[in-house]
Amino acid sequence: MSPPPAPSAEGTLHKTPLLHLLVYALDRRLAGTTTLSDPGGTEHAVYFHDGLPCKARTQPGVAPLDETLIAMGALDAGALAASLHVVSQRRLLHGQYLVSQGLITRTTLMAALCRQVAAKVGFMFGLPPETSYAFFEGENLLANWGGPELTPCAPLALVMSGVRAGGCDARLEQTLARLGTARLSLSPQARVELLGLDEAETEVVGWLRDVQPPLGDLIGSAVAPEPVVKQVVYALTIARCLELGAGRPPVGAGRTLPGRPAAGAARPAAAAPPDQAPTGAPVAGPEPAAAATRPAAAAAEPLAAEPVARQGGPGREEIEKKHAGLEDVTFFDLLGVDREVSAEQVESAYFRLAKSWHPDRLPAELGDLKPKVEKIFARIHEAVRTLSDDAKREEYIRVVDAGGGTARDQERVARAVDSALEFQKAEILFKRGDVEKAEVLVRRAVEADPDQPEYHTFLAWIEAEKLGLPQPGQEMRHYQKQLRALDKVIEKEPKYERALFYRAQLLKRRGEHEKAIEDFHKATALNPRNIDAAREVRLFKMRG
């Protein structure tokens, strides 16, 4: 018997809410199983295929197939009772038996199974924050659970359902605070129709689309109760459906996802898949027409495809420098224009830059830099499309005034959503001895969400471990940077046990025993179960 697989990530729902795990899986098109163990030891599981929740198991069972079919009006109670008797005697899968007897169609069965997955994941939103999770990449731990079908539910509708469940209210407030006074507008690529919004939530989206107000004005408009407004904006933010400056596209953009539930269906529910969907393969809903989500202003393409011939283009050093700073400049800086620029001036700036930066004009000796030049030119093109449109330019100016406007600004907002998961991965890698990869992930988490004390604390500890023990006579010069980092954390969070314990460890290694024991005392008082800190206190007392 083969040993059980090792998880590739693990943590708790307190640090990484299930909602964020769903967004993370969808955005990265993960395949694998997430198990969740509540404080009572009961285990639940979700299997993801291509980032979509396709199978789920809860204890106790949620939304059994018979109840789901009755709720759908697909089966009457008499036929159901008779079928249950048969399948219990023969140990058959209920759904397959119903299809074989012609009591329901395969389309109905698949629709019911999709509803089941959505209902089970919806149940998991109510698990306590102390619930632990583990992700097993590439593993289908539910392969022998139920039938062989994979029935993906609408993932963005689940995201909205999770926001309504209020599983991460504290993070909601933190995320919305980042928006500041910037005016909010929807991304042209946003698939808002897949969020499964109700009437009040749809009104909020309508105001965003028509008025593009700052969050404060949107709340003050009374278009919907304040909690509803905040929930909608939060869902749009973590799904990257808002234009907050240049950055990654909305979660799920460019993909065929299960569509919005039919009118009147219980939330969250999935669209009915085709009748002859292949067994074991995910079922997707129809792709809406591109014109339905693309505003009229975006159709204008004032740029010529063929640039003027290259004349004295940039050299290797200039290309490297421009690429390195690309994420930190605004569209105005990139084009070399001011805020009062006209559409004609923007177009002139484009043709001027195209002479130097169009990738097709790159000489052969710089061919290895073509991917970087393509990225630079794509950003130039994006800047032109934004600044040549009066409405988009005004909106972009408001974003810049609110402290955004660069690719890095948008990236930080997006990465703050999943930085906690990267931090959990870093802890696992560190335990396994892969310090280098752990450090990379922690640094990403610090950059994405610099307000989290645990990220700075763990980074300081990783750096200290890489330094090793001080050499004789060099103790007081060792760990200076790491101790300063921990001092800053403790100054902001005086009762953060982990920072106190790590600082005590480093002080002890430097020979500063009096200071170290103070921190060990504090860590023990905050957490009497910290055996290592308690041991240090006892040893200190024994030595007098």
Protein backbone atom coordinates (compact mmCIF):
# COMPACT_ATOMS: atom_id res chain seq x y z
CA MET A 1 0.00 0.00 0.00
CA SER A 2 1.50 3.32 -1.06
CA PRO A 3 1.96 6.01 1.61
CA PRO A 4 -0.47 8.93 1.60
CA PRO A 5 0.68 11.94 -0.45
CA ALA A 6 2.26 14.91 1.27
CA PRO A 7 0.33 18.21 1.05
CA SER A 8 1.82 20.97 -1.07
CA ALA A 9 0.19 23.65 1.10
CA GLU A 10 -1.59 23.72 4.44
CA GLY A 11 -2.86 26.21 6.98
CA THR A 12 -6.06 27.34 8.69
CA LEU A 13 -9.15 29.14 7.46
CA HIS A 14 -8.39 31.89 9.97
CA LYS A 15 -5.28 32.83 8.02
CA THR A 16 -6.55 31.87 4.56
CA PRO A 17 -10.35 31.88 4.21
CA LEU A 18 -11.95 29.31 1.94
CA LEU A 19 -13.06 32.17 -0.28
CA HIS A 20 -9.44 33.07 -1.01
CA LEU A 21 -8.55 29.43 -1.62
CA LEU A 22 -11.28 29.29 -4.29
CA VAL A 23 -10.00 32.45 -6.01
CA TYR A 24 -6.42 31.18 -5.85
CA ALA A 25 -7.36 27.81 -7.38
CA LEU A 26 -9.44 29.39 -10.14
CA ASP A 27 -6.80 31.99 -11.02
CA ARG A 28 -4.01 29.40 -11.24
CA ARG A 29 -6.16 26.64 -12.76
CA LEU A 30 -5.07 24.22 -10.05
CA ALA A 31 -5.79 20.51 -10.12
CA GLY A 32 -5.87 18.67 -6.81
CA THR A 33 -7.79 18.09 -3.62
CA THR A 34 -8.26 20.41 -0.65
CA THR A 35 -9.17 18.70 2.61
CA LEU A 36 -10.63 20.64 5.54
CA SER A 37 -10.60 19.30 9.11
CA ASP A 38 -12.79 21.17 11.59
CA PRO A 39 -11.86 21.46 15.30
CA GLY A 40 -13.91 18.32 16.06
CA GLY A 41 -11.79 16.26 13.65
CA THR A 42 -14.49 15.92 10.97
CA GLU A 43 -13.02 16.03 7.49
CA HIS A 44 -14.47 17.55 4.33
CA ALA A 45 -12.92 17.71 0.87
CA VAL A 46 -13.15 19.48 -2.50
CA TYR A 47 -11.55 18.30 -5.73
CA PHE A 48 -10.48 20.97 -8.26
CA HIS A 49 -9.97 20.40 -11.97
CA ASP A 50 -8.60 23.31 -14.03
CA GLY A 51 -9.30 25.51 -11.00
CA LEU A 52 -13.00 24.59 -10.83
CA PRO A 53 -14.62 22.81 -7.84
CA CYS A 54 -15.81 19.58 -9.49
CA LYS A 55 -16.50 17.21 -6.62
CA ALA A 56 -17.12 17.70 -2.91
CA ARG A 57 -17.69 15.62 0.20
CA THR A 58 -19.03 16.83 3.53
CA GLN A 59 -19.64 15.17 6.87
CA PRO A 60 -22.52 14.99 7.54
CA GLY A 61 -23.88 14.80 3.99
CA VAL A 62 -25.27 18.00 2.49
CA ALA A 63 -27.86 18.27 -0.31
CA PRO A 64 -28.40 14.53 -0.92
CA LEU A 65 -29.29 13.67 -4.49
CA ASP A 66 -32.89 12.68 -3.74
CA GLU A 67 -33.65 15.98 -2.00
CA THR A 68 -31.92 17.92 -4.75
CA LEU A 69 -33.95 16.22 -7.47
CA ILE A 70 -37.22 16.87 -5.62
CA ALA A 71 -36.26 20.53 -5.12
CA MET A 72 -35.64 20.75 -8.87
CA GLY A 73 -39.06 19.21 -9.56
CA ALA A 74 -37.36 16.44 -11.53
CA LEU A 75 -38.79 13.50 -9.55
CA ASP A 76 -41.90 12.83 -7.48
CA ALA A 77 -41.78 11.33 -4.01
CA GLY A 78 -43.33 7.99 -5.05
CA ALA A 79 -40.82 7.25 -7.78
CA LEU A 80 -38.02 8.39 -5.48
CA ALA A 81 -39.04 6.02 -2.66
CA ALA A 82 -39.17 3.05 -5.04
CA SER A 83 -35.76 3.87 -6.51
CA LEU A 84 -34.16 4.26 -3.09
CA HIS A 85 -35.35 0.79 -2.12
CA VAL A 86 -33.80 -0.75 -5.24
CA VAL A 87 -30.42 1.00 -5.01
CA SER A 88 -30.08 0.18 -1.30
CA GLN A 89 -30.67 -3.52 -2.04
CA ARG A 90 -28.36 -3.68 -5.05
CA ARG A 91 -25.79 -1.14 -3.84
CA LEU A 92 -26.06 0.93 -6.98
CA LEU A 93 -25.31 4.59 -7.55
CA HIS A 94 -28.65 6.32 -7.25
CA GLY A 95 -28.18 8.77 -10.11
CA GLN A 96 -26.99 6.16 -12.57
CA TYR A 97 -29.93 3.93 -11.71
CA LEU A 98 -32.43 6.74 -12.25
CA VAL A 99 -30.94 7.48 -15.67
CA SER A 100 -30.88 3.78 -16.65
CA GLN A 101 -34.59 3.45 -15.80
CA GLY A 102 -35.52 6.55 -17.76
CA LEU A 103 -36.78 8.33 -14.63
CA ILE A 104 -34.50 11.31 -15.29
CA THR A 105 -32.24 12.33 -18.17
CA ARG A 106 -28.49 12.53 -17.95
CA THR A 107 -28.81 16.30 -18.34
CA THR A 108 -30.97 16.43 -15.21
CA LEU A 109 -28.57 14.21 -13.29
CA MET A 110 -25.56 16.38 -14.18
CA ALA A 111 -27.44 19.54 -13.25
CA ALA A 112 -28.35 18.02 -9.89
CA LEU A 113 -24.75 16.96 -9.25
CA CYS A 114 -23.57 20.49 -10.07
CA ARG A 115 -26.05 21.85 -7.51
CA GLN A 116 -24.73 19.34 -4.99
CA VAL A 117 -21.14 20.54 -5.40
CA ALA A 118 -22.21 24.17 -4.99
CA ALA A 119 -24.30 23.37 -1.90
CA LYS A 120 -21.49 21.37 -0.29
CA VAL A 121 -18.92 24.12 -0.85
CA GLY A 122 -21.50 26.61 0.44
CA PHE A 123 -21.74 24.51 3.62
CA MET A 124 -17.95 24.69 4.00
CA PHE A 125 -18.11 28.50 4.10
CA GLY A 126 -19.68 28.05 7.54
CA LEU A 127 -16.78 26.04 8.98
CA PRO A 128 -15.09 27.72 11.97
CA PRO A 129 -11.87 29.73 11.40
CA GLU A 130 -9.89 27.14 13.40
CA THR A 131 -10.53 24.60 10.63
CA SER A 132 -7.26 23.40 9.10
CA TYR A 133 -6.82 22.75 5.40
CA ALA A 134 -4.32 20.90 3.25
CA PHE A 135 -3.96 21.01 -0.54
CA PHE A 136 -2.72 17.92 -2.41
CA GLU A 137 -1.64 19.07 -5.85
CA GLY A 138 -2.44 16.69 -8.69
CA GLU A 139 -4.25 14.25 -6.39
CA ASN A 140 -7.92 13.30 -6.74
CA LEU A 141 -8.67 11.99 -3.26
CA LEU A 142 -12.38 11.82 -4.16
CA ALA A 143 -11.91 9.53 -7.19
CA ASN A 144 -13.78 6.71 -5.41
CA TRP A 145 -16.45 8.97 -3.93
CA GLY A 146 -19.78 8.81 -5.75
CA GLY A 147 -19.80 8.46 -9.52
CA PRO A 148 -16.97 9.11 -11.97
CA GLU A 149 -18.43 12.38 -13.27
CA LEU A 150 -16.75 15.73 -12.64
CA THR A 151 -19.44 18.36 -12.30
CA PRO A 152 -18.01 21.88 -11.94
CA CYS A 153 -20.22 24.50 -10.36
CA ALA A 154 -20.09 28.18 -11.29
CA PRO A 155 -16.91 29.36 -9.48
CA LEU A 156 -17.54 33.10 -9.54
CA ALA A 157 -21.06 32.56 -8.19
CA LEU A 158 -19.42 30.59 -5.36
CA VAL A 159 -17.05 33.49 -4.71
CA MET A 160 -20.01 35.83 -4.33
CA SER A 161 -21.76 33.28 -2.14
CA GLY A 162 -18.69 33.10 0.09
CA VAL A 163 -18.61 36.89 0.42
CA ARG A 164 -22.26 36.88 1.44
CA ALA A 165 -21.48 34.23 4.04
CA GLY A 166 -19.21 36.77 5.73
CA GLY A 167 -16.34 34.35 6.23
CA CYS A 168 -13.65 37.06 6.06
CA ASP A 169 -15.21 40.33 7.20
CA ALA A 170 -11.94 41.62 8.67
CA ARG A 171 -10.13 41.11 5.37
CA LEU A 172 -13.05 42.75 3.59
CA GLU A 173 -12.53 45.97 5.53
CA GLN A 174 -8.75 45.84 5.03
CA THR A 175 -9.13 45.34 1.29
CA LEU A 176 -11.72 48.09 0.86
CA ALA A 177 -9.50 50.49 2.81
CA ARG A 178 -6.88 50.07 0.06
CA LEU A 179 -9.28 51.51 -2.51
CA GLY A 180 -9.13 54.94 -0.88
CA THR A 181 -10.91 57.69 -2.80
CA ALA A 182 -10.25 56.33 -6.29
CA ARG A 183 -13.24 56.16 -8.60
CA LEU A 184 -14.32 52.59 -9.25
CA SER A 185 -14.97 51.26 -12.74
CA LEU A 186 -15.47 47.79 -14.12
CA SER A 187 -12.83 46.10 -16.25
CA PRO A 188 -13.98 45.54 -19.86
CA GLN A 189 -13.04 41.88 -19.36
CA ALA A 190 -15.08 41.45 -16.17
CA ARG A 191 -17.55 38.55 -16.29
CA VAL A 192 -19.94 40.15 -13.81
CA GLU A 193 -22.87 38.11 -15.10
CA LEU A 194 -21.19 34.96 -13.73
CA LEU A 195 -21.23 36.21 -10.12
CA GLY A 196 -24.88 35.25 -9.73
CA LEU A 197 -25.90 38.64 -8.31
CA ASP A 198 -29.34 39.29 -6.85
CA GLU A 199 -31.42 42.37 -7.63
CA ALA A 200 -29.84 44.68 -5.03
CA GLU A 201 -26.31 43.59 -5.95
CA THR A 202 -27.06 44.12 -9.63
CA GLU A 203 -28.11 47.70 -8.81
CA VAL A 204 -24.72 48.29 -7.21
CA VAL A 205 -22.95 47.03 -10.33
CA GLY A 206 -25.19 49.27 -12.46
CA TRP A 207 -24.07 52.32 -10.49
CA LEU A 208 -20.44 51.29 -10.86
CA ARG A 209 -20.87 50.91 -14.59
CA ASP A 210 -22.80 54.17 -15.14
CA VAL A 211 -21.42 56.56 -12.49
CA GLN A 212 -17.99 55.11 -11.54
CA PRO A 213 -18.08 56.63 -8.04
CA PRO A 214 -15.51 56.27 -5.24
CA LEU A 215 -16.47 53.71 -2.61
CA GLY A 216 -17.56 56.37 -0.13
CA ASP A 217 -19.91 57.98 -2.66
CA LEU A 218 -21.28 54.58 -3.65
CA ILE A 219 -22.13 53.80 -0.02
CA GLY A 220 -23.63 57.27 0.43
CA SER A 221 -25.81 56.88 -2.65
CA ALA A 222 -28.06 54.42 -0.76
CA VAL A 223 -28.37 52.36 -3.94
CA ALA A 224 -28.28 49.37 -1.58
CA PRO A 225 -27.62 48.78 2.15
CA GLU A 226 -24.00 49.45 3.10
CA PRO A 227 -23.14 45.76 3.80
CA VAL A 228 -24.41 44.81 0.34
CA VAL A 229 -22.37 47.56 -1.32
CA LYS A 230 -19.22 46.50 0.51
CA GLN A 231 -19.75 42.83 -0.29
CA VAL A 232 -20.20 43.52 -4.00
CA VAL A 233 -17.14 45.78 -4.21
CA TYR A 234 -15.06 43.28 -2.22
CA ALA A 235 -16.07 40.41 -4.52
CA LEU A 236 -15.26 42.51 -7.59
CA THR A 237 -11.91 43.47 -6.07
CA ILE A 238 -10.66 39.99 -5.19
CA ALA A 239 -11.89 38.72 -8.56
CA ARG A 240 -9.99 41.63 -10.18
CA CYS A 241 -13.13 42.87 -11.95
CA LEU A 242 -12.37 46.52 -11.13
CA GLU A 243 -9.98 48.71 -13.10
CA LEU A 244 -7.57 49.87 -10.42
CA GLY A 245 -4.76 50.73 -12.79
CA ALA A 246 -2.95 48.36 -15.11
CA GLY A 247 -2.39 44.80 -13.93
CA ARG A 248 -3.54 41.23 -14.29
CA PRO A 249 -6.87 40.52 -16.03
CA PRO A 250 -9.97 39.52 -14.06
CA VAL A 251 -9.96 36.06 -12.52
CA GLY A 252 -11.27 33.64 -15.14
CA ALA A 253 -10.95 36.12 -18.02
CA GLY A 254 -10.53 34.47 -21.38
CA ARG A 255 -11.77 31.12 -20.10
CA THR A 256 -14.97 29.19 -20.65
CA LEU A 257 -16.57 28.90 -17.23
CA PRO A 258 -19.84 27.37 -16.08
CA GLY A 259 -22.51 30.02 -16.60
CA ARG A 260 -24.97 31.78 -14.35
CA PRO A 261 -27.72 29.70 -12.69
CA ALA A 262 -31.11 29.72 -14.28
CA ALA A 263 -33.62 32.22 -12.93
CA GLY A 264 -35.30 30.99 -9.79
CA ALA A 265 -32.61 28.46 -8.94
CA ALA A 266 -31.35 28.28 -5.39
CA ARG A 267 -28.05 30.10 -4.82
CA PRO A 268 -25.42 29.04 -5.57
CA ALA A 269 -26.36 26.73 -8.44
CA ALA A 270 -24.72 25.69 -11.68
CA ALA A 271 -25.98 25.83 -15.22
CA ALA A 272 -27.18 22.52 -16.64
CA PRO A 273 -24.43 20.89 -18.75
CA PRO A 274 -24.92 19.23 -22.12
CA ASP A 275 -26.72 15.88 -22.17
CA GLN A 276 -23.77 13.93 -23.47
CA ALA A 277 -20.92 15.46 -21.49
CA PRO A 278 -17.94 13.08 -21.42
CA THR A 279 -17.57 11.12 -18.19
CA GLY A 280 -14.83 12.46 -15.95
CA ALA A 281 -14.49 15.76 -17.81
CA PRO A 282 -15.59 19.16 -16.54
CA VAL A 283 -18.68 20.65 -18.10
CA ALA A 284 -18.66 24.30 -19.13
CA GLY A 285 -21.41 26.73 -19.90
CA PRO A 286 -21.59 28.88 -23.01
CA GLU A 287 -19.14 31.71 -23.56
CA PRO A 288 -20.97 35.06 -23.77
CA ALA A 289 -20.30 37.17 -26.83
CA ALA A 290 -17.32 39.49 -26.47
CA ALA A 291 -19.41 42.47 -27.49
CA ALA A 292 -21.65 41.96 -24.46
CA THR A 293 -18.88 42.86 -22.05
CA ARG A 294 -16.85 45.27 -24.18
CA PRO A 295 -17.82 48.94 -23.87
CA ALA A 296 -18.20 50.98 -27.02
CA ALA A 297 -15.25 53.20 -26.11
CA ALA A 298 -12.92 50.20 -26.13
CA ALA A 299 -13.72 49.46 -29.78
CA ALA A 300 -11.79 52.47 -30.99
CA GLU A 301 -8.28 51.50 -32.11
CA PRO A 302 -6.61 54.67 -33.39
CA LEU A 303 -3.24 53.01 -33.80
CA ALA A 304 -1.69 51.87 -37.04
CA ALA A 305 -0.39 48.32 -36.94
CA GLU A 306 2.75 49.12 -38.91
CA PRO A 307 5.17 51.51 -37.16
CA VAL A 308 7.59 53.88 -38.81
CA ALA A 309 10.96 52.30 -39.62
CA ARG A 310 13.36 52.02 -36.71
CA GLN A 311 15.86 54.85 -36.40
CA GLY A 312 18.61 54.59 -33.82
CA GLY A 313 16.73 52.36 -31.41
CA PRO A 314 17.67 51.70 -27.77
CA GLY A 315 20.65 49.56 -26.89
CA ARG A 316 20.81 46.59 -24.54
CA GLU A 317 21.39 48.65 -21.41
CA GLU A 318 18.46 50.99 -22.12
CA ILE A 319 16.11 48.09 -22.83
CA GLU A 320 17.08 46.33 -19.60
CA LYS A 321 16.65 49.53 -17.61
CA LYS A 322 13.25 50.36 -19.10
CA HIS A 323 11.99 46.82 -18.60
CA ALA A 324 13.18 46.76 -14.99
CA GLY A 325 11.26 49.94 -14.17
CA LEU A 326 8.21 49.22 -16.32
CA GLU A 327 5.90 48.32 -13.42
CA ASP A 328 6.70 51.49 -11.49
CA VAL A 329 5.81 54.18 -14.03
CA THR A 330 2.45 55.69 -14.89
CA PHE A 331 1.08 55.85 -18.41
CA PHE A 332 1.98 59.56 -18.54
CA ASP A 333 5.61 58.87 -17.68
CA LEU A 334 5.74 55.96 -20.11
CA LEU A 335 4.54 58.07 -23.06
CA GLY A 336 6.34 61.22 -21.94
CA VAL A 337 3.17 63.34 -21.92
CA ASP A 338 1.36 65.45 -19.33
CA ARG A 339 -2.16 65.13 -17.95
CA GLU A 340 -3.66 67.66 -20.35
CA VAL A 341 -2.57 65.64 -23.37
CA SER A 342 -4.99 65.42 -26.33
CA ALA A 343 -5.85 62.27 -28.28
CA GLU A 344 -3.81 63.59 -31.22
CA GLN A 345 -0.77 64.13 -28.99
CA VAL A 346 -1.14 60.62 -27.59
CA GLU A 347 -1.14 59.18 -31.09
CA SER A 348 1.93 61.24 -31.99
CA ALA A 349 3.68 59.94 -28.88
CA TYR A 350 2.84 56.40 -29.94
CA PHE A 351 4.38 56.75 -33.41
CA ARG A 352 7.44 58.43 -31.89
CA LEU A 353 7.94 55.52 -29.49
CA ALA A 354 7.12 52.90 -32.12
CA LYS A 355 10.16 53.98 -34.09
CA SER A 356 12.30 52.72 -31.23
CA TRP A 357 10.28 50.14 -29.34
CA HIS A 358 8.28 48.11 -31.84
CA PRO A 359 9.50 44.49 -31.43
CA ASP A 360 9.55 43.85 -35.17
CA ARG A 361 12.23 46.54 -35.53
CA LEU A 362 14.58 44.94 -33.02
CA PRO A 363 17.96 44.14 -34.65
CA ALA A 364 19.12 40.53 -34.77
CA GLU A 365 21.94 41.09 -32.27
CA LEU A 366 19.34 42.00 -29.61
CA GLY A 367 17.00 39.12 -30.45
CA ASP A 368 17.33 37.61 -26.96
CA LEU A 369 15.66 40.76 -25.56
CA LYS A 370 12.57 40.49 -27.76
CA PRO A 371 10.28 39.19 -24.95
CA LYS A 372 11.18 42.24 -22.86
CA VAL A 373 10.66 44.64 -25.75
CA GLU A 374 7.30 43.00 -26.50
CA LYS A 375 6.25 43.59 -22.90
CA ILE A 376 7.36 47.24 -23.05
CA PHE A 377 5.54 47.82 -26.32
CA ALA A 378 2.37 46.11 -25.05
CA ARG A 379 2.41 48.48 -22.09
CA ILE A 380 2.88 51.45 -24.43
CA HIS A 381 -0.10 50.25 -26.47
CA GLU A 382 -2.18 49.91 -23.29
CA ALA A 383 -1.20 53.44 -22.24
CA VAL A 384 -2.25 54.83 -25.60
CA ARG A 385 -5.63 53.08 -25.50
CA THR A 386 -6.30 54.53 -22.06
CA LEU A 387 -5.04 58.09 -22.58
CA SER A 388 -6.51 58.58 -26.06
CA ASP A 389 -10.02 58.10 -24.65
CA ASP A 390 -11.20 61.17 -22.68
CA ALA A 391 -13.33 59.21 -20.20
CA LYS A 392 -10.68 56.59 -19.57
CA ARG A 393 -7.98 59.25 -19.19
CA GLU A 394 -9.99 61.13 -16.55
CA GLU A 395 -10.62 57.91 -14.67
CA TYR A 396 -6.94 57.00 -14.84
CA ILE A 397 -5.99 60.42 -13.46
CA ARG A 398 -8.26 59.78 -10.48
CA VAL A 399 -6.52 56.44 -9.91
CA VAL A 400 -3.09 58.15 -10.02
CA ASP A 401 -4.25 60.86 -7.60
CA ALA A 402 -5.40 58.15 -5.19
CA GLY A 403 -1.88 56.69 -5.13
CA GLY A 404 -2.19 54.08 -7.91
CA GLY A 405 -1.76 54.00 -11.63
CA THR A 406 1.22 51.70 -12.07
CA ALA A 407 1.24 48.00 -12.87
CA ARG A 408 2.86 47.33 -9.53
CA ASP A 409 0.03 49.08 -7.65
CA GLN A 410 -2.58 46.81 -9.21
CA GLU A 411 -0.39 43.77 -8.72
CA ARG A 412 -0.10 44.51 -5.01
CA VAL A 413 -3.87 44.72 -4.57
CA ALA A 414 -4.29 41.43 -6.40
CA ARG A 415 -1.48 39.63 -4.61
CA ALA A 416 -2.68 40.70 -1.19
CA VAL A 417 -5.58 38.30 -1.70
CA ASP A 418 -3.39 35.21 -2.06
CA SER A 419 -0.25 36.23 -0.15
CA ALA A 420 -1.48 34.31 2.90
CA LEU A 421 -1.51 31.09 0.89
CA GLU A 422 2.01 31.70 -0.35
CA PHE A 423 3.04 32.27 3.27
CA GLN A 424 1.55 28.90 4.25
CA LYS A 425 3.53 27.25 1.44
CA ALA A 426 6.68 28.96 2.69
CA GLU A 427 6.22 27.49 6.16
CA ILE A 428 5.90 23.99 4.70
CA LEU A 429 8.96 24.43 2.49
CA PHE A 430 10.96 25.73 5.46
CA LYS A 431 10.02 22.68 7.55
CA ARG A 432 11.17 20.48 4.68
CA GLY A 433 14.52 22.25 4.55
CA ASP A 434 13.96 24.17 1.30
CA VAL A 435 14.99 27.51 2.80
CA GLU A 436 15.69 29.25 -0.52
CA LYS A 437 12.20 28.70 -1.97
CA ALA A 438 10.61 29.50 1.39
CA GLU A 439 12.43 32.83 1.45
CA VAL A 440 11.23 33.70 -2.07
CA LEU A 441 7.59 33.09 -1.10
CA VAL A 442 7.83 35.02 2.16
CA ARG A 443 9.39 38.00 0.41
CA ARG A 444 6.50 37.96 -2.05
CA ALA A 445 4.04 37.92 0.85
CA VAL A 446 5.82 40.84 2.53
CA GLU A 447 5.78 42.85 -0.67
CA ALA A 448 2.10 42.08 -1.37
CA ASP A 449 0.83 42.69 2.16
CA PRO A 450 3.45 44.55 4.20
CA ASP A 451 1.07 45.17 7.10
CA GLN A 452 1.10 41.52 8.23
CA PRO A 453 3.53 41.14 11.19
CA GLU A 454 3.83 37.37 10.78
CA TYR A 455 5.38 37.78 7.30
CA HIS A 456 8.12 40.13 8.55
CA THR A 457 8.72 37.90 11.57
CA PHE A 458 9.16 34.74 9.55
CA LEU A 459 11.38 36.49 7.01
CA ALA A 460 13.68 37.70 9.79
CA TRP A 461 13.90 34.16 11.16
CA ILE A 462 14.69 32.66 7.74
CA GLU A 463 17.44 35.24 7.22
CA ALA A 464 18.86 34.47 10.66
CA GLU A 465 18.85 30.74 9.98
CA LYS A 466 20.73 31.32 6.72
CA LEU A 467 23.35 33.36 8.60
CA GLY A 468 23.91 30.54 11.09
CA LEU A 469 25.51 30.90 14.50
CA PRO A 470 27.91 33.81 15.13
CA GLN A 471 31.63 33.22 15.18
CA PRO A 472 33.45 33.75 18.52
CA GLY A 473 34.05 37.44 19.08
CA GLN A 474 31.48 38.50 16.47
CA GLU A 475 28.33 37.85 18.48
CA MET A 476 27.31 41.50 18.89
CA ARG A 477 27.57 42.19 15.15
CA HIS A 478 25.44 39.19 14.26
CA TYR A 479 21.70 39.33 13.51
CA GLN A 480 21.58 43.15 13.64
CA LYS A 481 19.27 43.49 10.63
CA GLN A 482 17.02 40.67 11.78
CA LEU A 483 16.74 42.02 15.34
CA ARG A 484 15.82 45.46 14.00
CA ALA A 485 13.05 43.87 11.95
CA LEU A 486 11.72 42.00 14.98
CA ASP A 487 11.95 45.16 17.11
CA LYS A 488 9.68 46.95 14.62
CA VAL A 489 7.17 44.10 14.67
CA ILE A 490 7.06 43.99 18.47
CA GLU A 491 6.78 47.77 18.67
CA LYS A 492 3.56 47.52 16.63
CA GLU A 493 2.39 44.20 18.12
CA PRO A 494 3.76 43.97 21.70
CA LYS A 495 1.91 40.71 22.36
CA TYR A 496 2.95 38.86 19.23
CA GLU A 497 4.35 35.69 20.77
CA ARG A 498 6.20 34.38 17.72
CA ALA A 499 8.20 37.59 17.27
CA LEU A 500 9.09 37.64 20.98
CA PHE A 501 10.23 34.03 20.87
CA TYR A 502 12.36 34.50 17.75
CA ARG A 503 13.95 37.65 19.17
CA ALA A 504 14.73 35.80 22.38
CA GLN A 505 16.42 33.02 20.39
CA LEU A 506 18.64 35.47 18.50
CA LEU A 507 19.51 37.44 21.63
CA LYS A 508 20.51 34.20 23.36
CA ARG A 509 22.79 33.26 20.45
CA ARG A 510 24.46 36.68 20.77
CA GLY A 511 25.03 36.09 24.48
CA GLU A 512 22.52 38.72 25.64
CA HIS A 513 20.91 36.36 28.15
CA GLU A 514 19.21 38.96 30.35
CA LYS A 515 17.34 40.46 27.39
CA ALA A 516 16.61 37.04 25.98
CA ILE A 517 15.02 35.76 29.18
CA GLU A 518 12.70 38.77 29.28
CA ASP A 519 11.32 37.82 25.88
CA PHE A 520 11.11 34.14 26.85
CA HIS A 521 9.11 35.17 29.93
CA LYS A 522 6.72 37.25 27.82
CA ALA A 523 6.27 34.48 25.25
CA THR A 524 5.50 31.97 28.01
CA ALA A 525 2.99 34.32 29.64
CA LEU A 526 1.21 34.78 26.30
CA ASN A 527 1.25 31.06 25.53
CA PRO A 528 1.95 28.64 28.41
CA ARG A 529 2.02 25.82 25.86
CA ASN A 530 5.20 27.21 24.28
CA ILE A 531 7.36 24.40 25.62
CA ASP A 532 10.64 25.78 24.27
CA ALA A 533 10.16 29.19 25.87
CA ALA A 534 9.11 27.61 29.18
CA ARG A 535 12.22 25.39 29.13
CA GLU A 536 14.48 28.43 28.70
CA VAL A 537 12.81 30.12 31.67
CA ARG A 538 13.32 27.03 33.86
CA LEU A 539 16.96 26.69 32.85
CA PHE A 540 17.60 30.34 33.63
CA LYS A 541 16.10 29.96 37.10
CA MET A 542 18.16 26.81 37.74
CA ARG A 543 21.34 28.72 36.91
CA GLY A 544 20.41 31.36 39.44
